[in-house]
Amino acid sequence: MWPFSRRNPVVPVLRFNGPIGMATPLRPGLTLASYASAIEKAFLASKLPAVAVIINSPGGSPVQSNLLFKRIRQLAAEQKKTVYVFCEDVAASGGYYLAIAGDEIYADPSSIIGSIGVVSRSFGFVDLIKKVGVERRVYTAGANKNQLDPFLPEDQEDIERLKAIQKDVHDVFIGLVKERRLGKLKAPDSELFSGAFWSAAKAAEFGLIDGISDVRTRMRLLFGEKVRLKVIEAEKSGLLARFRRAPGASRLTTPGLAFADDLVSAVEERTLWSRFGL
């Protein structure tokens, strides 16, 4: 047990809940911009050499996953803190990417862990626009500017280019998992990095997590029965900030357009969660 002199030691807790990066004006996702302040506060909030991180995420943006991961690891090194991660319903894909920021990873017996892969989803509307008699007109400068357009027939060269990009991103993910779980992984690469996901028990068997536990039980075991958990909240956007420019948009968002964006985002978010039976 860690020796401490304070009567009620405090462990700061960061909670990451929801899809990563996916955002509309009304549905902000998990991003470094929205969590940077909370992450820094968590590493400065207590003299105990520990920060707890709770994750419940089906994944999302690999870029935001990496940015959040890097910031946690930077502060852990600077402040000489051990990061304990606790997975709730799901820590999959980008959610697991966040989890490996932990020096130790735990999960509930019913948690879903893994999905170490990269996916791109879209639709094809070629036959639909023909059926309704719509003529689409697009003008570009650049031979590949219109690639993967859902209103055009699929092009094999475009698909191969997309898969090459996915492989690069997947390789980064795999390399990081191997680095962070060095000496702990106990399954072949073809199994671990296939994009499959598992129960917590199987994830522990494979070495993807360190065991079955919850944040309160583990922190009490380490720091005593009187340990307190202090959740460090991320900043919430104000009403005006909600109607900000949507990520990647070229026009200012109005309430009506914000609602439409929000509806699409809700469907996409539902798709992410439903893949894991939630």
Protein backbone atom coordinates (compact mmCIF):
# COMPACT_ATOMS: atom_id res chain seq x y z
CA MET A 1 0.00 0.00 0.00
CA TRP A 2 1.21 3.51 -0.81
CA PRO A 3 2.37 5.32 2.35
CA PHE A 4 0.59 8.64 2.77
CA SER A 5 0.21 11.15 5.54
CA ARG A 6 -3.04 12.82 4.51
CA ARG A 7 -6.12 11.52 6.27
CA ASN A 8 -8.22 11.44 3.10
CA PRO A 9 -6.01 11.01 0.01
CA VAL A 10 -7.53 12.12 -3.29
CA VAL A 11 -7.29 10.43 -6.67
CA PRO A 12 -8.31 12.67 -9.60
CA VAL A 13 -10.61 10.96 -12.10
CA LEU A 14 -11.02 11.79 -15.80
CA ARG A 15 -14.11 10.44 -17.54
CA PHE A 16 -14.22 9.95 -21.32
CA ASN A 17 -17.73 9.03 -22.42
CA GLY A 18 -18.98 8.85 -26.01
CA PRO A 19 -17.60 8.82 -29.55
CA ILE A 20 -14.21 10.39 -30.17
CA GLY A 21 -13.90 13.42 -32.43
CA MET A 22 -17.38 13.10 -33.92
CA ALA A 23 -19.11 16.41 -33.37
CA THR A 24 -21.81 18.72 -34.56
CA PRO A 25 -22.76 22.09 -33.06
CA LEU A 26 -25.18 20.39 -30.66
CA ARG A 27 -23.32 17.11 -30.04
CA PRO A 28 -19.66 17.72 -29.15
CA GLY A 29 -17.47 14.62 -29.24
CA LEU A 30 -14.34 13.77 -27.26
CA THR A 31 -11.50 15.98 -28.52
CA LEU A 32 -8.27 17.35 -27.13
CA ALA A 33 -9.68 20.87 -27.45
CA SER A 34 -12.58 20.04 -25.14
CA TYR A 35 -10.51 17.98 -22.66
CA ALA A 36 -7.09 19.68 -22.56
CA SER A 37 -7.89 21.79 -19.50
CA ALA A 38 -9.46 18.90 -17.57
CA ILE A 39 -6.52 16.59 -18.33
CA GLU A 40 -4.03 19.17 -17.07
CA LYS A 41 -6.08 19.81 -13.91
CA ALA A 42 -6.26 16.10 -13.17
CA PHE A 43 -2.48 15.74 -13.18
CA LEU A 44 -2.07 18.73 -10.86
CA ALA A 45 -4.99 18.09 -8.50
CA SER A 46 -3.38 15.71 -6.01
CA LYS A 47 -0.03 14.81 -4.49
CA LEU A 48 -0.79 11.11 -4.88
CA PRO A 49 1.19 9.56 -7.74
CA ALA A 50 -1.97 8.46 -9.55
CA VAL A 51 -4.63 9.58 -12.00
CA ALA A 52 -7.64 7.40 -12.79
CA VAL A 53 -9.25 7.43 -16.23
CA ILE A 54 -12.70 5.99 -16.91
CA ILE A 55 -13.48 5.16 -20.55
CA ASN A 56 -16.78 4.32 -22.19
CA SER A 57 -16.31 4.82 -25.93
CA PRO A 58 -16.96 2.88 -29.14
CA GLY A 59 -14.24 4.84 -30.94
CA GLY A 60 -14.17 7.51 -33.60
CA SER A 61 -11.42 9.77 -34.89
CA PRO A 62 -7.94 8.20 -34.87
CA VAL A 63 -6.40 11.68 -34.85
CA GLN A 64 -8.27 12.85 -31.74
CA SER A 65 -7.62 9.47 -30.08
CA ASN A 66 -3.91 9.98 -30.64
CA LEU A 67 -3.92 13.60 -29.48
CA LEU A 68 -5.72 12.68 -26.25
CA PHE A 69 -3.39 9.70 -25.73
CA LYS A 70 -0.27 11.83 -26.23
CA ARG A 71 -1.40 14.56 -23.85
CA ILE A 72 -2.14 12.05 -21.09
CA ARG A 73 1.25 10.38 -21.54
CA GLN A 74 3.11 13.70 -21.68
CA LEU A 75 1.63 14.85 -18.37
CA ALA A 76 2.11 11.44 -16.78
CA ALA A 77 5.82 11.67 -17.58
CA GLU A 78 6.14 15.30 -16.51
CA GLN A 79 4.28 14.84 -13.21
CA LYS A 80 5.61 11.31 -12.55
CA LYS A 81 2.10 9.86 -12.21
CA THR A 82 0.82 6.36 -12.82
CA VAL A 83 -2.30 6.28 -15.00
CA TYR A 84 -4.94 3.69 -14.11
CA VAL A 85 -7.59 3.12 -16.78
CA PHE A 86 -11.01 1.59 -16.09
CA CYS A 87 -13.19 0.49 -19.00
CA GLU A 88 -16.96 0.58 -18.61
CA ASP A 89 -19.40 -0.74 -21.27
CA VAL A 90 -17.02 -0.37 -24.20
CA ALA A 91 -13.39 0.52 -24.82
CA ALA A 92 -13.13 -0.36 -28.48
CA SER A 93 -11.31 1.01 -31.52
CA GLY A 94 -10.46 4.62 -30.58
CA GLY A 95 -11.77 3.87 -27.10
CA TYR A 96 -9.10 1.21 -26.68
CA TYR A 97 -6.56 3.61 -28.21
CA LEU A 98 -7.36 5.90 -25.26
CA ALA A 99 -7.18 2.99 -22.83
CA ILE A 100 -3.57 2.18 -23.68
CA ALA A 101 -2.62 5.59 -22.29
CA GLY A 102 -2.94 3.73 -18.99
CA ASP A 103 -0.02 2.07 -17.24
CA GLU A 104 -2.58 -0.41 -15.98
CA ILE A 105 -5.94 -1.20 -17.63
CA TYR A 106 -8.93 -2.77 -15.89
CA ALA A 107 -12.48 -3.54 -16.96
CA ASP A 108 -15.83 -4.76 -15.71
CA PRO A 109 -16.54 -8.46 -16.36
CA SER A 110 -19.15 -7.43 -18.95
CA SER A 111 -17.03 -4.79 -20.71
CA ILE A 112 -16.30 -5.07 -24.43
CA ILE A 113 -12.66 -4.53 -25.36
CA GLY A 114 -10.66 -4.40 -28.60
CA SER A 115 -11.69 -3.69 -32.18
CA ILE A 116 -8.12 -2.73 -33.06
CA GLY A 117 -8.72 -1.79 -36.67
CA VAL A 118 -9.77 0.98 -39.03
CA VAL A 119 -13.10 1.32 -40.83
CA SER A 120 -14.61 3.69 -43.37
CA ARG A 121 -18.36 3.69 -44.00
CA SER A 122 -20.37 5.27 -46.78
CA PHE A 123 -23.36 4.74 -49.08
CA GLY A 124 -23.83 4.52 -52.83
CA PHE A 125 -26.63 6.57 -54.42
CA VAL A 126 -25.89 5.96 -58.11
CA ASP A 127 -29.05 4.00 -58.89
CA LEU A 128 -31.19 6.23 -56.67
CA ILE A 129 -30.45 9.47 -58.51
CA LYS A 130 -31.04 7.73 -61.82
CA LYS A 131 -34.39 6.47 -60.58
CA VAL A 132 -35.61 9.88 -59.41
CA GLY A 133 -34.23 11.61 -62.50
CA VAL A 134 -31.65 13.84 -60.83
CA GLU A 135 -28.69 15.15 -62.79
CA ARG A 136 -25.73 15.91 -60.55
CA ARG A 137 -23.15 18.45 -61.66
CA VAL A 138 -19.73 18.61 -60.04
CA TYR A 139 -16.71 20.56 -61.28
CA THR A 140 -13.23 20.00 -59.86
CA ALA A 141 -9.63 21.06 -60.27
CA GLY A 142 -7.46 18.03 -59.52
CA ALA A 143 -7.84 14.55 -60.97
CA ASN A 144 -8.66 12.92 -57.61
CA LYS A 145 -10.72 15.65 -56.02
CA ASN A 146 -13.98 13.78 -56.57
CA GLN A 147 -12.80 10.32 -55.51
CA LEU A 148 -15.14 8.13 -53.43
CA ASP A 149 -18.10 10.31 -54.37
CA PRO A 150 -21.20 8.35 -53.22
CA PHE A 151 -23.12 9.58 -56.28
CA LEU A 152 -20.62 8.03 -58.70
CA PRO A 153 -19.90 4.35 -59.43
CA GLU A 154 -17.11 2.87 -57.32
CA ASP A 155 -13.64 3.11 -58.80
CA GLN A 156 -11.20 0.33 -57.93
CA GLU A 157 -8.25 2.72 -57.91
CA ASP A 158 -10.02 4.92 -55.37
CA ILE A 159 -10.77 1.91 -53.17
CA GLU A 160 -7.17 0.77 -53.25
CA ARG A 161 -5.98 4.26 -52.33
CA LEU A 162 -8.39 4.36 -49.36
CA LYS A 163 -7.27 0.92 -48.17
CA ALA A 164 -3.63 2.01 -48.35
CA ILE A 165 -4.43 4.95 -46.08
CA GLN A 166 -6.34 2.67 -43.71
CA LYS A 167 -3.35 0.33 -43.53
CA ASP A 168 -1.06 3.21 -42.57
CA VAL A 169 -3.42 4.27 -39.78
CA HIS A 170 -3.85 0.65 -38.65
CA ASP A 171 -0.08 0.15 -38.53
CA VAL A 172 0.26 3.18 -36.22
CA PHE A 173 -2.43 1.75 -33.93
CA ILE A 174 -0.80 -1.71 -33.89
CA GLY A 175 2.63 -0.25 -33.15
CA LEU A 176 1.31 1.74 -30.22
CA VAL A 177 -0.53 -1.24 -28.73
CA LYS A 178 2.64 -3.35 -28.96
CA GLU A 179 4.69 -0.57 -27.37
CA ARG A 180 2.28 0.09 -24.51
CA ARG A 181 1.48 -3.58 -23.83
CA LEU A 182 5.05 -4.77 -24.28
CA GLY A 183 5.58 -8.21 -22.78
CA LYS A 184 1.87 -8.59 -21.95
CA LEU A 185 0.26 -9.59 -25.26
CA LYS A 186 -0.46 -13.31 -25.45
CA ALA A 187 -2.20 -13.88 -28.78
CA PRO A 188 -1.05 -13.83 -32.40
CA ASP A 189 -1.18 -10.55 -34.32
CA SER A 190 -3.72 -12.04 -36.72
CA GLU A 191 -6.12 -12.40 -33.79
CA LEU A 192 -5.35 -9.25 -31.82
CA PHE A 193 -5.34 -6.81 -34.73
CA SER A 194 -8.13 -8.25 -36.86
CA GLY A 195 -10.67 -5.67 -35.69
CA ALA A 196 -12.42 -8.27 -33.50
CA PHE A 197 -13.59 -7.42 -29.97
CA TRP A 198 -13.94 -9.54 -26.86
CA SER A 199 -15.30 -9.74 -23.34
CA ALA A 200 -13.09 -8.47 -20.53
CA ALA A 201 -12.10 -12.01 -19.51
CA LYS A 202 -10.82 -12.85 -22.99
CA ALA A 203 -9.15 -9.42 -23.28
CA ALA A 204 -7.31 -10.14 -20.02
CA GLU A 205 -6.31 -13.56 -21.32
CA PHE A 206 -4.90 -11.92 -24.47
CA GLY A 207 -3.05 -9.29 -22.40
CA LEU A 208 -5.04 -6.33 -23.71
CA ILE A 209 -6.02 -5.43 -20.14
CA ASP A 210 -4.46 -6.19 -16.76
CA GLY A 211 -7.47 -7.54 -14.94
CA ILE A 212 -11.07 -7.21 -13.76
CA SER A 213 -11.79 -4.36 -11.37
CA ASP A 214 -13.51 -1.00 -10.95
CA VAL A 215 -12.01 2.35 -10.07
CA ARG A 216 -13.15 2.50 -6.43
CA THR A 217 -12.08 -1.05 -5.59
CA ARG A 218 -8.66 -0.64 -7.17
CA MET A 219 -7.95 2.78 -5.67
CA ARG A 220 -8.94 1.56 -2.20
CA LEU A 221 -6.64 -1.41 -2.59
CA LEU A 222 -3.75 0.90 -3.50
CA PHE A 223 -4.37 3.92 -1.28
CA GLY A 224 -6.58 2.75 1.57
CA GLU A 225 -10.26 2.72 2.47
CA LYS A 226 -10.39 6.48 3.03
CA VAL A 227 -9.29 7.40 -0.47
CA ARG A 228 -11.55 9.89 -2.23
CA LEU A 229 -12.23 10.04 -5.96
CA LYS A 230 -12.49 13.52 -7.44
CA VAL A 231 -13.96 13.72 -10.94
CA ILE A 232 -12.40 16.48 -13.03
CA GLU A 233 -15.08 17.67 -15.44
CA ALA A 234 -14.40 18.82 -18.99
CA GLU A 235 -15.56 22.32 -19.83
CA LYS A 236 -19.09 22.52 -21.19
CA SER A 237 -19.89 24.67 -24.20
CA GLY A 238 -22.21 27.62 -23.68
CA LEU A 239 -25.38 28.20 -25.70
CA LEU A 240 -23.65 30.49 -28.22
CA ALA A 241 -20.73 28.13 -28.57
CA ARG A 242 -23.15 25.36 -29.47
CA PHE A 243 -24.02 27.16 -32.68
CA ARG A 244 -20.41 27.48 -33.74
CA ARG A 245 -19.01 26.58 -37.16
CA ALA A 246 -19.34 22.83 -37.66
CA PRO A 247 -15.99 20.98 -38.09
CA GLY A 248 -14.98 21.08 -41.74
CA ALA A 249 -17.93 23.24 -42.73
CA SER A 250 -17.65 26.17 -45.09
CA ARG A 251 -20.72 28.01 -43.82
CA LEU A 252 -21.90 29.37 -40.51
CA THR A 253 -24.24 27.05 -38.71
CA THR A 254 -27.81 28.18 -38.13
CA PRO A 255 -30.15 26.51 -35.62
CA GLY A 256 -31.99 24.66 -38.41
CA LEU A 257 -28.81 23.38 -40.00
CA ALA A 258 -27.44 22.54 -36.56
CA PHE A 259 -30.47 20.32 -35.96
CA ALA A 260 -29.92 18.53 -39.27
CA ASP A 261 -26.24 18.01 -38.46
CA ASP A 262 -27.22 16.79 -35.02
CA LEU A 263 -29.65 14.27 -36.46
CA VAL A 264 -27.01 12.83 -38.79
CA SER A 265 -24.50 12.71 -35.94
CA ALA A 266 -27.01 10.91 -33.72
CA VAL A 267 -27.50 8.22 -36.38
CA GLU A 268 -23.73 7.81 -36.81
CA GLU A 269 -23.24 7.63 -33.04
CA ARG A 270 -26.03 5.06 -32.73
CA THR A 271 -24.30 2.98 -35.41
CA LEU A 272 -21.02 3.03 -33.48
CA TRP A 273 -22.65 1.86 -30.24
CA SER A 274 -24.95 -0.71 -31.89
CA ARG A 275 -21.98 -2.59 -33.33
CA PHE A 276 -21.23 -3.68 -29.77
CA GLY A 277 -24.81 -4.62 -28.94
CA LEU A 278 -25.53 -1.39 -27.02
